[in-house]
PDB file of all heavy atoms in Angstrom:
ATOM      1  N   LYS A   1     -48.481  97.417  -0.181  1.00  0.00           N
ATOM      2  CA  LYS A   1     -47.995  96.937   1.114  1.00  0.00           C
ATOM      3  C   LYS A   1     -47.228  95.639   0.938  1.00  0.00           C
ATOM      4  O   LYS A   1     -47.730  94.684   0.348  1.00  0.00           O
ATOM      5  CB  LYS A   1     -49.187  96.720   2.052  1.00  0.00           C
ATOM      6  CG  LYS A   1     -48.833  96.203   3.429  1.00  0.00           C
ATOM      7  CD  LYS A   1     -50.096  96.037   4.255  1.00  0.00           C
ATOM      8  CE  LYS A   1     -49.804  95.465   5.633  1.00  0.00           C
ATOM      9  NZ  LYS A   1     -51.055  95.265   6.419  1.00  0.00           N
ATOM     10  N   ILE A   2     -45.992  95.628   1.453  1.00  0.00           N
ATOM     11  CA  ILE A   2     -45.141  94.439   1.392  1.00  0.00           C
ATOM     12  C   ILE A   2     -45.031  93.850   2.796  1.00  0.00           C
ATOM     13  O   ILE A   2     -44.734  94.564   3.751  1.00  0.00           O
ATOM     14  CB  ILE A   2     -43.729  94.770   0.872  1.00  0.00           C
ATOM     15  CG1 ILE A   2     -43.806  95.402  -0.517  1.00  0.00           C
ATOM     16  CG2 ILE A   2     -42.868  93.508   0.837  1.00  0.00           C
ATOM     17  CD1 ILE A   2     -42.472  95.927  -1.015  1.00  0.00           C
ATOM     18  N   SER A   3     -45.268  92.549   2.916  1.00  0.00           N
ATOM     19  CA  SER A   3     -45.151  91.864   4.200  1.00  0.00           C
ATOM     20  C   SER A   3     -44.177  90.703   4.072  1.00  0.00           C
ATOM     21  O   SER A   3     -44.248  89.925   3.111  1.00  0.00           O
ATOM     22  CB  SER A   3     -46.529  91.347   4.646  1.00  0.00           C
ATOM     23  OG  SER A   3     -46.425  90.598   5.847  1.00  0.00           O
ATOM     24  N   VAL A   4     -43.253  90.581   5.038  1.00  0.00           N
ATOM     25  CA  VAL A   4     -42.268  89.499   5.057  1.00  0.00           C
ATOM     26  C   VAL A   4     -42.360  88.784   6.401  1.00  0.00           C
ATOM     27  O   VAL A   4     -42.247  89.413   7.452  1.00  0.00           O
ATOM     28  CB  VAL A   4     -40.833  90.023   4.845  1.00  0.00           C
ATOM     29  CG1 VAL A   4     -39.830  88.861   4.927  1.00  0.00           C
ATOM     30  CG2 VAL A   4     -40.707  90.731   3.505  1.00  0.00           C
ATOM     31  N   GLU A   5     -42.571  87.472   6.369  1.00  0.00           N
ATOM     32  CA  GLU A   5     -42.616  86.653   7.585  1.00  0.00           C
ATOM     33  C   GLU A   5     -41.550  85.572   7.509  1.00  0.00           C
ATOM     34  O   GLU A   5     -41.356  84.965   6.459  1.00  0.00           O
ATOM     35  CB  GLU A   5     -43.981  85.997   7.753  1.00  0.00           C
ATOM     36  CG  GLU A   5     -45.101  86.948   8.092  1.00  0.00           C
ATOM     37  CD  GLU A   5     -46.395  86.207   8.412  1.00  0.00           C
ATOM     38  OE1 GLU A   5     -46.434  85.483   9.426  1.00  0.00           O
ATOM     39  OE2 GLU A   5     -47.349  86.343   7.627  1.00  0.00           O
ATOM     40  N   MET A   6     -40.886  85.330   8.642  1.00  0.00           N
ATOM     41  CA  MET A   6     -39.864  84.289   8.740  1.00  0.00           C
ATOM     42  C   MET A   6     -40.222  83.340   9.876  1.00  0.00           C
ATOM     43  O   MET A   6     -40.514  83.773  10.987  1.00  0.00           O
ATOM     44  CB  MET A   6     -38.485  84.896   9.006  1.00  0.00           C
ATOM     45  CG  MET A   6     -38.002  85.862   7.958  1.00  0.00           C
ATOM     46  SD  MET A   6     -36.395  86.586   8.387  1.00  0.00           S
ATOM     47  CE  MET A   6     -35.315  85.133   8.353  1.00  0.00           C
ATOM     48  N   ARG A   7     -40.198  82.047   9.594  1.00  0.00           N
ATOM     49  CA  ARG A   7     -40.431  81.013  10.611  1.00  0.00           C
ATOM     50  C   ARG A   7     -39.318  79.977  10.490  1.00  0.00           C
ATOM     51  O   ARG A   7     -38.940  79.608   9.382  1.00  0.00           O
ATOM     52  CB  ARG A   7     -41.785  80.331  10.418  1.00  0.00           C
ATOM     53  CG  ARG A   7     -42.980  81.263  10.408  1.00  0.00           C
ATOM     54  CD  ARG A   7     -44.262  80.497  10.070  1.00  0.00           C
ATOM     55  NE  ARG A   7     -45.388  81.386   9.914  1.00  0.00           N
ATOM     56  CZ  ARG A   7     -46.206  81.755  10.912  1.00  0.00           C
ATOM     57  NH1 ARG A   7     -45.986  81.277  12.125  1.00  0.00           N
ATOM     58  NH2 ARG A   7     -47.226  82.556  10.687  1.00  0.00           N
ATOM     59  N   ALA A   8     -38.816  79.490  11.623  1.00  0.00           N
ATOM     60  CA  ALA A   8     -37.721  78.517  11.581  1.00  0.00           C
ATOM     61  C   ALA A   8     -37.947  77.382  12.557  1.00  0.00           C
ATOM     62  O   ALA A   8     -38.502  77.571  13.642  1.00  0.00           O
ATOM     63  CB  ALA A   8     -36.389  79.201  11.885  1.00  0.00           C
ATOM     64  N   VAL A   9     -37.507  76.194  12.161  1.00  0.00           N
ATOM     65  CA  VAL A   9     -37.493  75.016  13.022  1.00  0.00           C
ATOM     66  C   VAL A   9     -36.098  74.393  12.935  1.00  0.00           C
ATOM     67  O   VAL A   9     -35.263  74.819  12.153  1.00  0.00           O
ATOM     68  CB  VAL A   9     -38.568  73.988  12.607  1.00  0.00           C
ATOM     69  CG1 VAL A   9     -39.961  74.552  12.819  1.00  0.00           C
ATOM     70  CG2 VAL A   9     -38.388  73.574  11.150  1.00  0.00           C
ATOM     71  N   ASN A  10     -35.865  73.370  13.742  1.00  0.00           N
ATOM     72  CA  ASN A  10     -34.539  72.758  13.820  1.00  0.00           C
ATOM     73  C   ASN A  10     -34.131  72.082  12.513  1.00  0.00           C
ATOM     74  O   ASN A  10     -34.945  71.493  11.813  1.00  0.00           O
ATOM     75  CB  ASN A  10     -34.501  71.711  14.935  1.00  0.00           C
ATOM     76  CG  ASN A  10     -34.744  72.319  16.301  1.00  0.00           C
ATOM     77  OD1 ASN A  10     -34.846  73.535  16.437  1.00  0.00           O
ATOM     78  ND2 ASN A  10     -34.846  71.491  17.314  1.00  0.00           N
ATOM     79  N   ASN A  11     -32.847  72.186  12.220  1.00  0.00           N
ATOM     80  CA  ASN A  11     -32.270  71.498  11.067  1.00  0.00           C
ATOM     81  C   ASN A  11     -30.759  71.481  11.260  1.00  0.00           C
ATOM     82  O   ASN A  11     -30.181  72.413  11.798  1.00  0.00           O
ATOM     83  CB  ASN A  11     -32.624  72.229   9.764  1.00  0.00           C
ATOM     84  CG  ASN A  11     -32.434  71.346   8.548  1.00  0.00           C
ATOM     85  OD1 ASN A  11     -31.438  70.656   8.403  1.00  0.00           O
ATOM     86  ND2 ASN A  11     -33.398  71.369   7.650  1.00  0.00           N
ATOM     87  N   LYS A  12     -30.109  70.393  10.830  1.00  0.00           N
ATOM     88  CA  LYS A  12     -28.658  70.298  10.982  1.00  0.00           C
ATOM     89  C   LYS A  12     -27.931  71.362  10.168  1.00  0.00           C
ATOM     90  O   LYS A  12     -26.833  71.796  10.526  1.00  0.00           O
ATOM     91  CB  LYS A  12     -28.167  68.911  10.554  1.00  0.00           C
ATOM     92  CG  LYS A  12     -28.537  67.791  11.520  1.00  0.00           C
ATOM     93  CD  LYS A  12     -27.926  66.473  11.065  1.00  0.00           C
ATOM     94  CE  LYS A  12     -28.250  65.359  12.061  1.00  0.00           C
ATOM     95  NZ  LYS A  12     -27.652  64.062  11.642  1.00  0.00           N
ATOM     96  N   PHE A  13     -28.550  71.762   9.059  1.00  0.00           N
ATOM     97  CA  PHE A  13     -27.903  72.736   8.180  1.00  0.00           C
ATOM     98  C   PHE A  13     -28.813  73.950   8.029  1.00  0.00           C
ATOM     99  O   PHE A  13     -29.871  74.030   8.649  1.00  0.00           O
ATOM    100  CB  PHE A  13     -27.608  72.092   6.819  1.00  0.00           C
ATOM    101  CG  PHE A  13     -26.857  70.801   6.914  1.00  0.00           C
ATOM    102  CD1 PHE A  13     -27.526  69.584   6.797  1.00  0.00           C
ATOM    103  CD2 PHE A  13     -25.494  70.794   7.149  1.00  0.00           C
ATOM    104  CE1 PHE A  13     -26.839  68.382   6.903  1.00  0.00           C
ATOM    105  CE2 PHE A  13     -24.796  69.593   7.258  1.00  0.00           C
ATOM    106  CZ  PHE A  13     -25.467  68.385   7.137  1.00  0.00           C
ATOM    107  N   CYS A  14     -28.407  74.884   7.191  1.00  0.00           N
ATOM    108  CA  CYS A  14     -29.228  76.055   6.917  1.00  0.00           C
ATOM    109  C   CYS A  14     -30.010  75.815   5.628  1.00  0.00           C
ATOM    110  O   CYS A  14     -29.420  75.697   4.553  1.00  0.00           O
ATOM    111  CB  CYS A  14     -28.364  77.313   6.792  1.00  0.00           C
ATOM    112  SG  CYS A  14     -29.334  78.809   6.511  1.00  0.00           S
ATOM    113  N   GLU A  15     -31.312  75.723   5.761  1.00  0.00           N
ATOM    114  CA  GLU A  15     -32.176  75.505   4.603  1.00  0.00           C
ATOM    115  C   GLU A  15     -33.163  76.661   4.509  1.00  0.00           C
ATOM    116  O   GLU A  15     -34.008  76.845   5.391  1.00  0.00           O
ATOM    117  CB  GLU A  15     -32.918  74.179   4.742  1.00  0.00           C
ATOM    118  CG  GLU A  15     -33.839  73.861   3.570  1.00  0.00           C
ATOM    119  CD  GLU A  15     -34.616  72.575   3.776  1.00  0.00           C
ATOM    120  OE1 GLU A  15     -34.174  71.739   4.591  1.00  0.00           O
ATOM    121  OE2 GLU A  15     -35.668  72.416   3.140  1.00  0.00           O
ATOM    122  N   MET A  16     -33.049  77.451   3.449  1.00  0.00           N
ATOM    123  CA  MET A  16     -33.872  78.643   3.276  1.00  0.00           C
ATOM    124  C   MET A  16     -34.890  78.404   2.157  1.00  0.00           C
ATOM    125  O   MET A  16     -34.516  78.122   1.022  1.00  0.00           O
ATOM    126  CB  MET A  16     -32.985  79.832   2.938  1.00  0.00           C
ATOM    127  CG  MET A  16     -33.605  81.181   3.203  1.00  0.00           C
ATOM    128  SD  MET A  16     -33.549  81.693   4.940  1.00  0.00           S
ATOM    129  CE  MET A  16     -31.780  81.779   5.246  1.00  0.00           C
ATOM    130  N   ASN A  17     -36.187  78.504   2.489  1.00  0.00           N
ATOM    131  CA  ASN A  17     -37.249  78.301   1.508  1.00  0.00           C
ATOM    132  C   ASN A  17     -38.084  79.573   1.371  1.00  0.00           C
ATOM    133  O   ASN A  17     -38.539  80.133   2.375  1.00  0.00           O
ATOM    134  CB  ASN A  17     -38.154  77.140   1.931  1.00  0.00           C
ATOM    135  CG  ASN A  17     -37.381  75.849   2.115  1.00  0.00           C
ATOM    136  OD1 ASN A  17     -36.755  75.356   1.186  1.00  0.00           O
ATOM    137  ND2 ASN A  17     -37.406  75.301   3.319  1.00  0.00           N
ATOM    138  N   PHE A  18     -38.279  80.016   0.120  1.00  0.00           N
ATOM    139  CA  PHE A  18     -39.012  81.255  -0.131  1.00  0.00           C
ATOM    140  C   PHE A  18     -40.340  80.982  -0.824  1.00  0.00           C
ATOM    141  O   PHE A  18     -40.429  80.147  -1.731  1.00  0.00           O
ATOM    142  CB  PHE A  18     -38.183  82.191  -1.016  1.00  0.00           C
ATOM    143  CG  PHE A  18     -37.025  82.835  -0.306  1.00  0.00           C
ATOM    144  CD1 PHE A  18     -35.804  82.183  -0.212  1.00  0.00           C
ATOM    145  CD2 PHE A  18     -37.159  84.092   0.264  1.00  0.00           C
ATOM    146  CE1 PHE A  18     -34.740  82.759   0.444  1.00  0.00           C
ATOM    147  CE2 PHE A  18     -36.097  84.678   0.921  1.00  0.00           C
ATOM    148  CZ  PHE A  18     -34.882  84.021   1.019  1.00  0.00           C
ATOM    149  N   ARG A  19     -41.357  81.689  -0.383  1.00  0.00           N
ATOM    150  CA  ARG A  19     -42.638  81.731  -1.076  1.00  0.00           C
ATOM    151  C   ARG A  19     -42.943  83.205  -1.314  1.00  0.00           C
ATOM    152  O   ARG A  19     -43.189  83.955  -0.358  1.00  0.00           O
ATOM    153  CB  ARG A  19     -43.742  81.086  -0.244  1.00  0.00           C
ATOM    154  CG  ARG A  19     -43.548  79.585  -0.055  1.00  0.00           C
ATOM    155  CD  ARG A  19     -44.723  78.971   0.682  1.00  0.00           C
ATOM    156  NE  ARG A  19     -44.513  77.551   0.935  1.00  0.00           N
ATOM    157  CZ  ARG A  19     -45.380  76.771   1.582  1.00  0.00           C
ATOM    158  NH1 ARG A  19     -46.505  77.302   2.046  1.00  0.00           N
ATOM    159  NH2 ARG A  19     -45.128  75.500   1.780  1.00  0.00           N
ATOM    160  N   LEU A  20     -42.920  83.608  -2.560  1.00  0.00           N
ATOM    161  CA  LEU A  20     -43.042  85.030  -2.865  1.00  0.00           C
ATOM    162  C   LEU A  20     -43.791  85.242  -4.170  1.00  0.00           C
ATOM    163  O   LEU A  20     -43.793  84.366  -5.049  1.00  0.00           O
ATOM    164  CB  LEU A  20     -41.665  85.677  -2.933  1.00  0.00           C
ATOM    165  CG  LEU A  20     -40.692  85.301  -4.044  1.00  0.00           C
ATOM    166  CD1 LEU A  20     -39.495  86.244  -4.011  1.00  0.00           C
ATOM    167  CD2 LEU A  20     -40.177  83.883  -3.944  1.00  0.00           C
ATOM    168  N   PRO A  21     -44.420  86.392  -4.339  1.00  0.00           N
ATOM    169  CA  PRO A  21     -45.098  86.695  -5.593  1.00  0.00           C
ATOM    170  C   PRO A  21     -44.102  86.749  -6.746  1.00  0.00           C
ATOM    171  O   PRO A  21     -42.921  87.050  -6.554  1.00  0.00           O
ATOM    172  CB  PRO A  21     -45.712  88.084  -5.332  1.00  0.00           C
ATOM    173  CG  PRO A  21     -45.735  88.231  -3.850  1.00  0.00           C
ATOM    174  CD  PRO A  21     -44.562  87.462  -3.343  1.00  0.00           C
ATOM    175  N   ARG A  22     -44.591  86.464  -7.952  1.00  0.00           N
ATOM    176  CA  ARG A  22     -43.719  86.470  -9.114  1.00  0.00           C
ATOM    177  C   ARG A  22     -43.018  87.809  -9.295  1.00  0.00           C
ATOM    178  O   ARG A  22     -41.885  87.880  -9.778  1.00  0.00           O
ATOM    179  CB  ARG A  22     -44.536  86.122 -10.359  1.00  0.00           C
ATOM    180  CG  ARG A  22     -43.694  85.912 -11.597  1.00  0.00           C
ATOM    181  CD  ARG A  22     -44.524  85.351 -12.721  1.00  0.00           C
ATOM    182  NE  ARG A  22     -45.664  86.206 -13.019  1.00  0.00           N
ATOM    183  CZ  ARG A  22     -46.638  85.870 -13.858  1.00  0.00           C
ATOM    184  NH1 ARG A  22     -46.623  84.675 -14.435  1.00  0.00           N
ATOM    185  NH2 ARG A  22     -47.632  86.693 -14.093  1.00  0.00           N
ATOM    186  N   LEU A  23     -43.682  88.870  -8.870  1.00  0.00           N
ATOM    187  CA  LEU A  23     -43.119  90.208  -8.993  1.00  0.00           C
ATOM    188  C   LEU A  23     -41.770  90.333  -8.306  1.00  0.00           C
ATOM    189  O   LEU A  23     -40.904  91.099  -8.737  1.00  0.00           O
ATOM    190  CB  LEU A  23     -44.106  91.226  -8.400  1.00  0.00           C
ATOM    191  CG  LEU A  23     -43.719  92.715  -8.395  1.00  0.00           C
ATOM    192  CD1 LEU A  23     -43.643  93.228  -9.826  1.00  0.00           C
ATOM    193  CD2 LEU A  23     -44.727  93.515  -7.579  1.00  0.00           C
ATOM    194  N   PHE A  24     -41.560  89.528  -7.214  1.00  0.00           N
ATOM    195  CA  PHE A  24     -40.336  89.635  -6.417  1.00  0.00           C
ATOM    196  C   PHE A  24     -39.309  88.557  -6.749  1.00  0.00           C
ATOM    197  O   PHE A  24     -38.274  88.476  -6.093  1.00  0.00           O
ATOM    198  CB  PHE A  24     -40.681  89.572  -4.926  1.00  0.00           C
ATOM    199  CG  PHE A  24     -41.476  90.740  -4.436  1.00  0.00           C
ATOM    200  CD1 PHE A  24     -42.825  90.615  -4.170  1.00  0.00           C
ATOM    201  CD2 PHE A  24     -40.878  91.977  -4.254  1.00  0.00           C
ATOM    202  CE1 PHE A  24     -43.565  91.693  -3.729  1.00  0.00           C
ATOM    203  CE2 PHE A  24     -41.611  93.061  -3.804  1.00  0.00           C
ATOM    204  CZ  PHE A  24     -42.964  92.918  -3.544  1.00  0.00           C
ATOM    205  N   ASN A  25     -39.582  87.726  -7.729  1.00  0.00           N
ATOM    206  CA  ASN A  25     -38.637  86.663  -8.093  1.00  0.00           C
ATOM    207  C   ASN A  25     -37.217  87.168  -8.350  1.00  0.00           C
ATOM    208  O   ASN A  25     -36.241  86.517  -7.944  1.00  0.00           O
ATOM    209  CB  ASN A  25     -39.137  85.893  -9.317  1.00  0.00           C
ATOM    210  CG  ASN A  25     -40.210  84.880  -8.960  1.00  0.00           C
ATOM    211  OD1 ASN A  25     -40.384  84.532  -7.793  1.00  0.00           O
ATOM    212  ND2 ASN A  25     -40.947  84.404  -9.948  1.00  0.00           N
ATOM    213  N   PRO A  26     -37.039  88.306  -9.019  1.00  0.00           N
ATOM    214  CA  PRO A  26     -35.672  88.776  -9.288  1.00  0.00           C
ATOM    215  C   PRO A  26     -34.870  89.101  -8.030  1.00  0.00           C
ATOM    216  O   PRO A  26     -33.640  89.206  -8.089  1.00  0.00           O
ATOM    217  CB  PRO A  26     -35.899  90.048 -10.129  1.00  0.00           C
ATOM    218  CG  PRO A  26     -37.249  89.892 -10.712  1.00  0.00           C
ATOM    219  CD  PRO A  26     -38.048  89.159  -9.677  1.00  0.00           C
ATOM    220  N   PHE A  27     -35.575  89.258  -6.888  1.00  0.00           N
ATOM    221  CA  PHE A  27     -34.884  89.667  -5.663  1.00  0.00           C
ATOM    222  C   PHE A  27     -34.588  88.502  -4.716  1.00  0.00           C
ATOM    223  O   PHE A  27     -34.023  88.695  -3.636  1.00  0.00           O
ATOM    224  CB  PHE A  27     -35.726  90.704  -4.909  1.00  0.00           C
ATOM    225  CG  PHE A  27     -36.114  91.889  -5.730  1.00  0.00           C
ATOM    226  CD1 PHE A  27     -37.443  92.268  -5.850  1.00  0.00           C
ATOM    227  CD2 PHE A  27     -35.151  92.633  -6.392  1.00  0.00           C
ATOM    228  CE1 PHE A  27     -37.808  93.370  -6.608  1.00  0.00           C
ATOM    229  CE2 PHE A  27     -35.498  93.744  -7.151  1.00  0.00           C
ATOM    230  CZ  PHE A  27     -36.835  94.110  -7.266  1.00  0.00           C
ATOM    231  N   GLU A  28     -34.973  87.274  -5.102  1.00  0.00           N
ATOM    232  CA  GLU A  28     -34.811  86.142  -4.186  1.00  0.00           C
ATOM    233  C   GLU A  28     -33.350  85.910  -3.808  1.00  0.00           C
ATOM    234  O   GLU A  28     -33.027  85.685  -2.636  1.00  0.00           O
ATOM    235  CB  GLU A  28     -35.396  84.868  -4.797  1.00  0.00           C
ATOM    236  CG  GLU A  28     -35.268  83.663  -3.863  1.00  0.00           C
ATOM    237  CD  GLU A  28     -35.908  82.403  -4.416  1.00  0.00           C
ATOM    238  OE1 GLU A  28     -36.809  82.513  -5.277  1.00  0.00           O
ATOM    239  OE2 GLU A  28     -35.486  81.303  -3.990  1.00  0.00           O
ATOM    240  N   ASP A  29     -32.441  85.958  -4.782  1.00  0.00           N
ATOM    241  CA  ASP A  29     -31.029  85.714  -4.489  1.00  0.00           C
ATOM    242  C   ASP A  29     -30.471  86.765  -3.534  1.00  0.00           C
ATOM    243  O   ASP A  29     -29.672  86.446  -2.639  1.00  0.00           O
ATOM    244  CB  ASP A  29     -30.208  85.707  -5.786  1.00  0.00           C
ATOM    245  CG  ASP A  29     -30.412  84.428  -6.585  1.00  0.00           C
ATOM    246  OD1 ASP A  29     -30.912  83.448  -5.992  1.00  0.00           O
ATOM    247  OD2 ASP A  29     -30.089  84.417  -7.783  1.00  0.00           O
ATOM    248  N   ARG A  30     -30.874  88.008  -3.696  1.00  0.00           N
ATOM    249  CA  ARG A  30     -30.409  89.068  -2.791  1.00  0.00           C
ATOM    250  C   ARG A  30     -30.877  88.802  -1.365  1.00  0.00           C
ATOM    251  O   ARG A  30     -30.105  88.934  -0.405  1.00  0.00           O
ATOM    252  CB  ARG A  30     -30.943  90.433  -3.237  1.00  0.00           C
ATOM    253  CG  ARG A  30     -30.461  90.911  -4.595  1.00  0.00           C
ATOM    254  CD  ARG A  30     -30.812  92.394  -4.744  1.00  0.00           C
ATOM    255  NE  ARG A  30     -30.938  92.805  -6.132  1.00  0.00           N
ATOM    256  CZ  ARG A  30     -31.266  94.030  -6.515  1.00  0.00           C
ATOM    257  NH1 ARG A  30     -31.517  94.962  -5.606  1.00  0.00           N
ATOM    258  NH2 ARG A  30     -31.361  94.337  -7.798  1.00  0.00           N
ATOM    259  N   LEU A  31     -32.154  88.431  -1.235  1.00  0.00           N
ATOM    260  CA  LEU A  31     -32.687  88.133   0.094  1.00  0.00           C
ATOM    261  C   LEU A  31     -31.989  86.937   0.720  1.00  0.00           C
ATOM    262  O   LEU A  31     -31.660  86.926   1.904  1.00  0.00           O
ATOM    263  CB  LEU A  31     -34.186  87.856   0.011  1.00  0.00           C
ATOM    264  CG  LEU A  31     -35.120  89.059  -0.157  1.00  0.00           C
ATOM    265  CD1 LEU A  31     -36.560  88.584  -0.267  1.00  0.00           C
ATOM    266  CD2 LEU A  31     -34.972  90.030   0.995  1.00  0.00           C
ATOM    267  N   ARG A  32     -31.758  85.913  -0.090  1.00  0.00           N
ATOM    268  CA  ARG A  32     -31.100  84.705   0.419  1.00  0.00           C
ATOM    269  C   ARG A  32     -29.720  85.025   0.980  1.00  0.00           C
ATOM    270  O   ARG A  32     -29.344  84.555   2.056  1.00  0.00           O
ATOM    271  CB  ARG A  32     -31.011  83.663  -0.694  1.00  0.00           C
ATOM    272  CG  ARG A  32     -30.550  82.282  -0.231  1.00  0.00           C
ATOM    273  CD  ARG A  32     -30.502  81.311  -1.403  1.00  0.00           C
ATOM    274  NE  ARG A  32     -31.812  81.110  -2.005  1.00  0.00           N
ATOM    275  CZ  ARG A  32     -32.719  80.258  -1.530  1.00  0.00           C
ATOM    276  NH1 ARG A  32     -32.441  79.527  -0.457  1.00  0.00           N
ATOM    277  NH2 ARG A  32     -33.879  80.112  -2.134  1.00  0.00           N
ATOM    278  N   LYS A  33     -28.955  85.816   0.258  1.00  0.00           N
ATOM    279  CA  LYS A  33     -27.622  86.201   0.726  1.00  0.00           C
ATOM    280  C   LYS A  33     -27.705  87.017   2.006  1.00  0.00           C
ATOM    281  O   LYS A  33     -26.903  86.842   2.932  1.00  0.00           O
ATOM    282  CB  LYS A  33     -26.888  86.982  -0.357  1.00  0.00           C
ATOM    283  CG  LYS A  33     -26.474  86.143  -1.559  1.00  0.00           C
ATOM    284  CD  LYS A  33     -25.805  86.997  -2.625  1.00  0.00           C
ATOM    285  CE  LYS A  33     -25.421  86.151  -3.846  1.00  0.00           C
ATOM    286  NZ  LYS A  33     -24.810  86.980  -4.920  1.00  0.00           N
ATOM    287  N   SER A  34     -28.668  87.925   2.062  1.00  0.00           N
ATOM    288  CA  SER A  34     -28.835  88.758   3.247  1.00  0.00           C
ATOM    289  C   SER A  34     -29.180  87.917   4.469  1.00  0.00           C
ATOM    290  O   SER A  34     -28.598  88.092   5.545  1.00  0.00           O
ATOM    291  CB  SER A  34     -29.936  89.790   2.998  1.00  0.00           C
ATOM    292  OG  SER A  34     -30.188  90.553   4.157  1.00  0.00           O
ATOM    293  N   PHE A  35     -30.095  86.966   4.324  1.00  0.00           N
ATOM    294  CA  PHE A  35     -30.508  86.132   5.451  1.00  0.00           C
ATOM    295  C   PHE A  35     -29.404  85.136   5.841  1.00  0.00           C
ATOM    296  O   PHE A  35     -29.177  84.886   7.021  1.00  0.00           O
ATOM    297  CB  PHE A  35     -31.792  85.377   5.106  1.00  0.00           C
ATOM    298  CG  PHE A  35     -33.011  86.259   5.017  1.00  0.00           C
ATOM    299  CD1 PHE A  35     -34.137  85.822   4.342  1.00  0.00           C
ATOM    300  CD2 PHE A  35     -33.037  87.514   5.591  1.00  0.00           C
ATOM    301  CE1 PHE A  35     -35.264  86.627   4.249  1.00  0.00           C
ATOM    302  CE2 PHE A  35     -34.151  88.334   5.508  1.00  0.00           C
ATOM    303  CZ  PHE A  35     -35.277  87.885   4.825  1.00  0.00           C
TER     304      PHE A  35
END
């Protein structure tokens, strides 16, 4: 089972922070571009 949660607060710019299992590290850049 894979679960993805997104939470956002105010910021002047776009700041994307990921917390993910090591298994998904290779996919972080893909997710970042998508978001």
